[in-house]
Amino acid sequence: MSKKKLKTVCPFESAGIKHIDYKDVPTLKKYLSRYGKITPRYYTGVSLKFQKMLSSAVKKARIMALLPFTLWE
């Protein structure tokens, strides 16, 4: 028996967001792990287009010191 994969809907597309801003820190934090790493697409359900925007926004926010590079707990 083959398992059928359910198609997930991108949370950004369903919310009608066109661009991810690096200054929107609360939204960016939702897509980071507890150690500050960017969460992969297969966990979050984000489309490829928005995953690329998300990763560049997180990297830009890290450079601007809005997000930390690493978190050691």
PDB file of N, CA and C in Angstrom:
ATOM      1  N   MET A   1       0.835  -1.180   0.000  1.00  0.00           N
ATOM      2  CA  MET A   1       0.000   0.000   0.000  1.00  0.00           C
ATOM      3  C   MET A   1       0.880   1.243   0.000  1.00  0.00           C
ATOM      4  N   SER A   2       0.557   2.148  -0.856  1.00  0.00           N
ATOM      5  CA  SER A   2       1.309   3.394  -0.904  1.00  0.00           C
ATOM      6  C   SER A   2       0.578   4.454  -0.085  1.00  0.00           C
ATOM      7  N   LYS A   3       1.354   5.202   0.632  1.00  0.00           N
ATOM      8  CA  LYS A   3       0.780   6.270   1.445  1.00  0.00           C
ATOM      9  C   LYS A   3       0.640   7.517   0.582  1.00  0.00           C
ATOM     10  N   LYS A   4      -0.490   8.131   0.652  1.00  0.00           N
ATOM     11  CA  LYS A   4      -0.724   9.353  -0.103  1.00  0.00           C
ATOM     12  C   LYS A   4      -0.346  10.546   0.763  1.00  0.00           C
ATOM     13  N   LYS A   5       0.487  11.400   0.224  1.00  0.00           N
ATOM     14  CA  LYS A   5       0.927  12.569   0.961  1.00  0.00           C
ATOM     15  C   LYS A   5      -0.109  13.674   0.822  1.00  0.00           C
ATOM     16  N   LEU A   6      -0.516  14.234   1.938  1.00  0.00           N
ATOM     17  CA  LEU A   6      -1.469  15.335   1.921  1.00  0.00           C
ATOM     18  C   LEU A   6      -0.761  16.627   1.533  1.00  0.00           C
ATOM     19  N   LYS A   7      -1.379  17.402   0.680  1.00  0.00           N
ATOM     20  CA  LYS A   7      -0.793  18.670   0.263  1.00  0.00           C
ATOM     21  C   LYS A   7      -1.053  19.720   1.332  1.00  0.00           C
ATOM     22  N   THR A   8       0.009  20.312   1.816  1.00  0.00           N
ATOM     23  CA  THR A   8      -0.128  21.345   2.832  1.00  0.00           C
ATOM     24  C   THR A   8      -0.212  22.709   2.152  1.00  0.00           C
ATOM     25  N   VAL A   9      -0.911  23.604   2.784  1.00  0.00           N
ATOM     26  CA  VAL A   9      -1.069  24.958   2.262  1.00  0.00           C
ATOM     27  C   VAL A   9      -0.065  25.857   2.976  1.00  0.00           C
ATOM     28  N   CYS A  10       0.636  26.654   2.204  1.00  0.00           N
ATOM     29  CA  CYS A  10       1.633  27.563   2.760  1.00  0.00           C
ATOM     30  C   CYS A  10       0.938  28.594   3.655  1.00  0.00           C
ATOM     31  N   PRO A  11       1.425  28.779   4.894  1.00  0.00           N
ATOM     32  CA  PRO A  11       0.788  29.751   5.790  1.00  0.00           C
ATOM     33  C   PRO A  11       0.881  31.194   5.286  1.00  0.00           C
ATOM     34  N   PHE A  12       1.922  31.509   4.538  1.00  0.00           N
ATOM     35  CA  PHE A  12       2.059  32.867   4.010  1.00  0.00           C
ATOM     36  C   PHE A  12       1.089  33.105   2.858  1.00  0.00           C
ATOM     37  N   GLU A  13       0.920  32.102   1.995  1.00  0.00           N
ATOM     38  CA  GLU A  13      -0.011  32.240   0.875  1.00  0.00           C
ATOM     39  C   GLU A  13      -1.454  32.301   1.364  1.00  0.00           C
ATOM     40  N   SER A  14      -1.780  31.504   2.375  1.00  0.00           N
ATOM     41  CA  SER A  14      -3.153  31.517   2.889  1.00  0.00           C
ATOM     42  C   SER A  14      -3.476  32.820   3.611  1.00  0.00           C
ATOM     43  N   ALA A  15      -2.442  33.482   4.178  1.00  0.00           N
ATOM     44  CA  ALA A  15      -2.657  34.769   4.843  1.00  0.00           C
ATOM     45  C   ALA A  15      -2.635  35.936   3.854  1.00  0.00           C
ATOM     46  N   GLY A  16      -2.258  35.668   2.614  1.00  0.00           N
ATOM     47  CA  GLY A  16      -2.234  36.726   1.607  1.00  0.00           C
ATOM     48  C   GLY A  16      -1.006  37.608   1.665  1.00  0.00           C
ATOM     49  N   ILE A  17       0.073  37.101   2.255  1.00  0.00           N
ATOM     50  CA  ILE A  17       1.310  37.872   2.371  1.00  0.00           C
ATOM     51  C   ILE A  17       2.086  37.770   1.061  1.00  0.00           C
ATOM     52  N   LYS A  18       2.545  38.904   0.554  1.00  0.00           N
ATOM     53  CA  LYS A  18       3.295  38.931  -0.701  1.00  0.00           C
ATOM     54  C   LYS A  18       4.802  38.942  -0.475  1.00  0.00           C
ATOM     55  N   HIS A  19       5.244  39.563   0.623  1.00  0.00           N
ATOM     56  CA  HIS A  19       6.672  39.715   0.889  1.00  0.00           C
ATOM     57  C   HIS A  19       6.921  39.564   2.393  1.00  0.00           C
ATOM     58  N   ILE A  20       8.014  38.918   2.749  1.00  0.00           N
ATOM     59  CA  ILE A  20       8.378  38.749   4.158  1.00  0.00           C
ATOM     60  C   ILE A  20       9.407  39.823   4.502  1.00  0.00           C
ATOM     61  N   ASP A  21       9.094  40.623   5.506  1.00  0.00           N
ATOM     62  CA  ASP A  21       9.960  41.735   5.888  1.00  0.00           C
ATOM     63  C   ASP A  21      10.902  41.291   7.001  1.00  0.00           C
ATOM     64  N   TYR A  22      12.170  41.696   6.919  1.00  0.00           N
ATOM     65  CA  TYR A  22      13.143  41.303   7.932  1.00  0.00           C
ATOM     66  C   TYR A  22      12.901  42.002   9.269  1.00  0.00           C
ATOM     67  N   LYS A  23      12.113  43.082   9.286  1.00  0.00           N
ATOM     68  CA  LYS A  23      11.833  43.808  10.524  1.00  0.00           C
ATOM     69  C   LYS A  23      10.673  43.210  11.312  1.00  0.00           C
ATOM     70  N   ASP A  24       9.983  42.235  10.725  1.00  0.00           N
ATOM     71  CA  ASP A  24       8.859  41.576  11.395  1.00  0.00           C
ATOM     72  C   ASP A  24       9.398  40.416  12.236  1.00  0.00           C
ATOM     73  N   VAL A  25      10.013  40.735  13.357  1.00  0.00           N
ATOM     74  CA  VAL A  25      10.706  39.759  14.191  1.00  0.00           C
ATOM     75  C   VAL A  25       9.775  38.700  14.791  1.00  0.00           C
ATOM     76  N   PRO A  26       8.571  39.038  15.282  1.00  0.00           N
ATOM     77  CA  PRO A  26       7.706  37.976  15.828  1.00  0.00           C
ATOM     78  C   PRO A  26       7.349  36.896  14.805  1.00  0.00           C
ATOM     79  N   THR A  27       7.129  37.275  13.561  1.00  0.00           N
ATOM     80  CA  THR A  27       6.841  36.284  12.523  1.00  0.00           C
ATOM     81  C   THR A  27       8.071  35.444  12.224  1.00  0.00           C
ATOM     82  N   LEU A  28       9.226  36.060  12.164  1.00  0.00           N
ATOM     83  CA  LEU A  28      10.452  35.320  11.879  1.00  0.00           C
ATOM     84  C   LEU A  28      10.789  34.337  12.992  1.00  0.00           C
ATOM     85  N   LYS A  29      10.518  34.719  14.238  1.00  0.00           N
ATOM     86  CA  LYS A  29      10.830  33.850  15.369  1.00  0.00           C
ATOM     87  C   LYS A  29      10.018  32.561  15.360  1.00  0.00           C
ATOM     88  N   LYS A  30       8.825  32.597  14.742  1.00  0.00           N
ATOM     89  CA  LYS A  30       7.995  31.394  14.664  1.00  0.00           C
ATOM     90  C   LYS A  30       8.650  30.312  13.822  1.00  0.00           C
ATOM     91  N   TYR A  31       9.531  30.708  12.916  1.00  0.00           N
ATOM     92  CA  TYR A  31      10.157  29.759  12.001  1.00  0.00           C
ATOM     93  C   TYR A  31      11.608  29.468  12.365  1.00  0.00           C
ATOM     94  N   LEU A  32      11.969  29.713  13.623  1.00  0.00           N
ATOM     95  CA  LEU A  32      13.295  29.372  14.137  1.00  0.00           C
ATOM     96  C   LEU A  32      13.168  28.293  15.209  1.00  0.00           C
ATOM     97  N   SER A  33      14.177  27.434  15.296  1.00  0.00           N
ATOM     98  CA  SER A  33      14.179  26.417  16.348  1.00  0.00           C
ATOM     99  C   SER A  33      14.595  27.065  17.665  1.00  0.00           C
ATOM    100  N   ARG A  34      14.622  26.258  18.724  1.00  0.00           N
ATOM    101  CA  ARG A  34      15.013  26.840  20.014  1.00  0.00           C
ATOM    102  C   ARG A  34      16.468  27.286  20.015  1.00  0.00           C
ATOM    103  N   TYR A  35      17.265  26.764  19.097  1.00  0.00           N
ATOM    104  CA  TYR A  35      18.675  27.130  19.035  1.00  0.00           C
ATOM    105  C   TYR A  35      18.956  28.208  17.992  1.00  0.00           C
ATOM    106  N   GLY A  36      17.917  28.744  17.363  1.00  0.00           N
ATOM    107  CA  GLY A  36      18.092  29.835  16.428  1.00  0.00           C
ATOM    108  C   GLY A  36      18.273  29.412  14.986  1.00  0.00           C
ATOM    109  N   LYS A  37      18.107  28.124  14.689  1.00  0.00           N
ATOM    110  CA  LYS A  37      18.243  27.653  13.311  1.00  0.00           C
ATOM    111  C   LYS A  37      16.913  27.805  12.574  1.00  0.00           C
ATOM    112  N   ILE A  38      16.988  27.995  11.259  1.00  0.00           N
ATOM    113  CA  ILE A  38      15.791  28.118  10.441  1.00  0.00           C
ATOM    114  C   ILE A  38      15.167  26.731  10.278  1.00  0.00           C
ATOM    115  N   THR A  39      13.876  26.626  10.573  1.00  0.00           N
ATOM    116  CA  THR A  39      13.177  25.351  10.503  1.00  0.00           C
ATOM    117  C   THR A  39      12.944  24.959   9.045  1.00  0.00           C
ATOM    118  N   PRO A  40      13.152  23.674   8.691  1.00  0.00           N
ATOM    119  CA  PRO A  40      12.977  23.234   7.300  1.00  0.00           C
ATOM    120  C   PRO A  40      11.528  23.301   6.831  1.00  0.00           C
ATOM    121  N   ARG A  41      11.371  23.286   5.517  1.00  0.00           N
ATOM    122  CA  ARG A  41      10.051  23.385   4.879  1.00  0.00           C
ATOM    123  C   ARG A  41       9.137  22.232   5.238  1.00  0.00           C
ATOM    124  N   TYR A  42       9.695  21.021   5.341  1.00  0.00           N
ATOM    125  CA  TYR A  42       8.841  19.861   5.585  1.00  0.00           C
ATOM    126  C   TYR A  42       8.247  19.851   6.983  1.00  0.00           C
ATOM    127  N   TYR A  43       8.737  20.670   7.895  1.00  0.00           N
ATOM    128  CA  TYR A  43       8.110  20.812   9.209  1.00  0.00           C
ATOM    129  C   TYR A  43       7.076  21.936   9.218  1.00  0.00           C
ATOM    130  N   THR A  44       7.374  23.031   8.527  1.00  0.00           N
ATOM    131  CA  THR A  44       6.526  24.213   8.621  1.00  0.00           C
ATOM    132  C   THR A  44       5.451  24.283   7.548  1.00  0.00           C
ATOM    133  N   GLY A  45       5.666  23.632   6.405  1.00  0.00           N
ATOM    134  CA  GLY A  45       4.690  23.680   5.324  1.00  0.00           C
ATOM    135  C   GLY A  45       4.779  24.924   4.465  1.00  0.00           C
ATOM    136  N   VAL A  46       5.878  25.644   4.555  1.00  0.00           N
ATOM    137  CA  VAL A  46       6.077  26.864   3.774  1.00  0.00           C
ATOM    138  C   VAL A  46       6.489  26.469   2.359  1.00  0.00           C
ATOM    139  N   SER A  47       5.984  27.189   1.361  1.00  0.00           N
ATOM    140  CA  SER A  47       6.336  26.893  -0.030  1.00  0.00           C
ATOM    141  C   SER A  47       7.789  27.303  -0.296  1.00  0.00           C
ATOM    142  N   LEU A  48       8.334  26.808  -1.403  1.00  0.00           N
ATOM    143  CA  LEU A  48       9.725  27.081  -1.735  1.00  0.00           C
ATOM    144  C   LEU A  48       9.992  28.573  -1.901  1.00  0.00           C
ATOM    145  N   LYS A  49       9.086  29.258  -2.563  1.00  0.00           N
ATOM    146  CA  LYS A  49       9.232  30.703  -2.791  1.00  0.00           C
ATOM    147  C   LYS A  49       9.329  31.463  -1.471  1.00  0.00           C
ATOM    148  N   PHE A  50       8.436  31.138  -0.541  1.00  0.00           N
ATOM    149  CA  PHE A  50       8.440  31.846   0.736  1.00  0.00           C
ATOM    150  C   PHE A  50       9.542  31.354   1.661  1.00  0.00           C
ATOM    151  N   GLN A  51      10.000  30.103   1.507  1.00  0.00           N
ATOM    152  CA  GLN A  51      11.118  29.612   2.318  1.00  0.00           C
ATOM    153  C   GLN A  51      12.390  30.376   1.955  1.00  0.00           C
ATOM    154  N   LYS A  52      12.568  30.663   0.667  1.00  0.00           N
ATOM    155  CA  LYS A  52      13.738  31.444   0.254  1.00  0.00           C
ATOM    156  C   LYS A  52      13.656  32.867   0.785  1.00  0.00           C
ATOM    157  N   MET A  53      12.451  33.464   0.722  1.00  0.00           N
ATOM    158  CA  MET A  53      12.264  34.813   1.275  1.00  0.00           C
ATOM    159  C   MET A  53      12.485  34.815   2.786  1.00  0.00           C
ATOM    160  N   LEU A  54      11.985  33.770   3.449  1.00  0.00           N
ATOM    161  CA  LEU A  54      12.112  33.652   4.897  1.00  0.00           C
ATOM    162  C   LEU A  54      13.573  33.531   5.312  1.00  0.00           C
ATOM    163  N   SER A  55      14.332  32.687   4.620  1.00  0.00           N
ATOM    164  CA  SER A  55      15.735  32.510   4.991  1.00  0.00           C
ATOM    165  C   SER A  55      16.543  33.785   4.758  1.00  0.00           C
ATOM    166  N   SER A  56      16.278  34.490   3.668  1.00  0.00           N
ATOM    167  CA  SER A  56      17.018  35.741   3.450  1.00  0.00           C
ATOM    168  C   SER A  56      16.603  36.807   4.453  1.00  0.00           C
ATOM    169  N   ALA A  57      15.317  36.827   4.853  1.00  0.00           N
ATOM    170  CA  ALA A  57      14.868  37.795   5.857  1.00  0.00           C
ATOM    171  C   ALA A  57      15.486  37.495   7.218  1.00  0.00           C
ATOM    172  N   VAL A  58      15.585  36.219   7.574  1.00  0.00           N
ATOM    173  CA  VAL A  58      16.203  35.847   8.855  1.00  0.00           C
ATOM    174  C   VAL A  58      17.679  36.210   8.851  1.00  0.00           C
ATOM    175  N   LYS A  59      18.357  35.934   7.748  1.00  0.00           N
ATOM    176  CA  LYS A  59      19.784  36.257   7.666  1.00  0.00           C
ATOM    177  C   LYS A  59      20.016  37.760   7.731  1.00  0.00           C
ATOM    178  N   LYS A  60      19.153  38.522   7.088  1.00  0.00           N
ATOM    179  CA  LYS A  60      19.270  39.978   7.128  1.00  0.00           C
ATOM    180  C   LYS A  60      18.976  40.506   8.533  1.00  0.00           C
ATOM    181  N   ALA A  61      17.983  39.919   9.209  1.00  0.00           N
ATOM    182  CA  ALA A  61      17.652  40.336  10.577  1.00  0.00           C
ATOM    183  C   ALA A  61      18.782  39.997  11.541  1.00  0.00           C
ATOM    184  N   ARG A  62      19.493  38.894  11.290  1.00  0.00           N
ATOM    185  CA  ARG A  62      20.646  38.551  12.127  1.00  0.00           C
ATOM    186  C   ARG A  62      21.761  39.565  11.949  1.00  0.00           C
ATOM    187  N   ILE A  63      22.001  39.985  10.724  1.00  0.00           N
ATOM    188  CA  ILE A  63      23.054  40.971  10.459  1.00  0.00           C
ATOM    189  C   ILE A  63      22.702  42.314  11.095  1.00  0.00           C
ATOM    190  N   MET A  64      21.412  42.672  11.078  1.00  0.00           N
ATOM    191  CA  MET A  64      20.958  43.936  11.664  1.00  0.00           C
ATOM    192  C   MET A  64      20.793  43.844  13.184  1.00  0.00           C
ATOM    193  N   ALA A  65      21.142  42.696  13.772  1.00  0.00           N
ATOM    194  CA  ALA A  65      21.090  42.447  15.217  1.00  0.00           C
ATOM    195  C   ALA A  65      19.670  42.450  15.773  1.00  0.00           C
ATOM    196  N   LEU A  66      18.682  42.104  14.932  1.00  0.00           N
ATOM    197  CA  LEU A  66      17.311  41.955  15.413  1.00  0.00           C
ATOM    198  C   LEU A  66      17.071  40.540  15.937  1.00  0.00           C
ATOM    199  N   LEU A  67      17.831  39.585  15.411  1.00  0.00           N
ATOM    200  CA  LEU A  67      17.777  38.189  15.854  1.00  0.00           C
ATOM    201  C   LEU A  67      19.194  37.738  16.182  1.00  0.00           C
ATOM    202  N   PRO A  68      19.350  36.856  17.165  1.00  0.00           N
ATOM    203  CA  PRO A  68      20.691  36.342  17.467  1.00  0.00           C
ATOM    204  C   PRO A  68      21.107  35.275  16.450  1.00  0.00           C
ATOM    205  N   PHE A  69      22.413  35.109  16.281  1.00  0.00           N
ATOM    206  CA  PHE A  69      22.900  34.072  15.379  1.00  0.00           C
ATOM    207  C   PHE A  69      22.719  32.687  15.990  1.00  0.00           C
ATOM    208  N   THR A  70      23.003  32.547  17.275  1.00  0.00           N
ATOM    209  CA  THR A  70      22.830  31.259  17.958  1.00  0.00           C
ATOM    210  C   THR A  70      22.241  31.498  19.339  1.00  0.00           C
ATOM    211  N   LEU A  71      21.615  30.479  19.873  1.00  0.00           N
ATOM    212  CA  LEU A  71      21.082  30.506  21.236  1.00  0.00           C
ATOM    213  C   LEU A  71      21.625  29.308  21.969  1.00  0.00           C
ATOM    214  N   TRP A  72      22.335  29.522  23.032  1.00  0.00           N
ATOM    215  CA  TRP A  72      22.862  28.417  23.836  1.00  0.00           C
ATOM    216  C   TRP A  72      22.101  28.399  25.146  1.00  0.00           C
ATOM    217  N   GLU A  73      21.378  27.328  25.367  1.00  0.00           N
ATOM    218  CA  GLU A  73      20.591  27.228  26.603  1.00  0.00           C
ATOM    219  C   GLU A  73      21.189  26.240  27.551  1.00  0.00           C
TER     220      GLU A  73
END
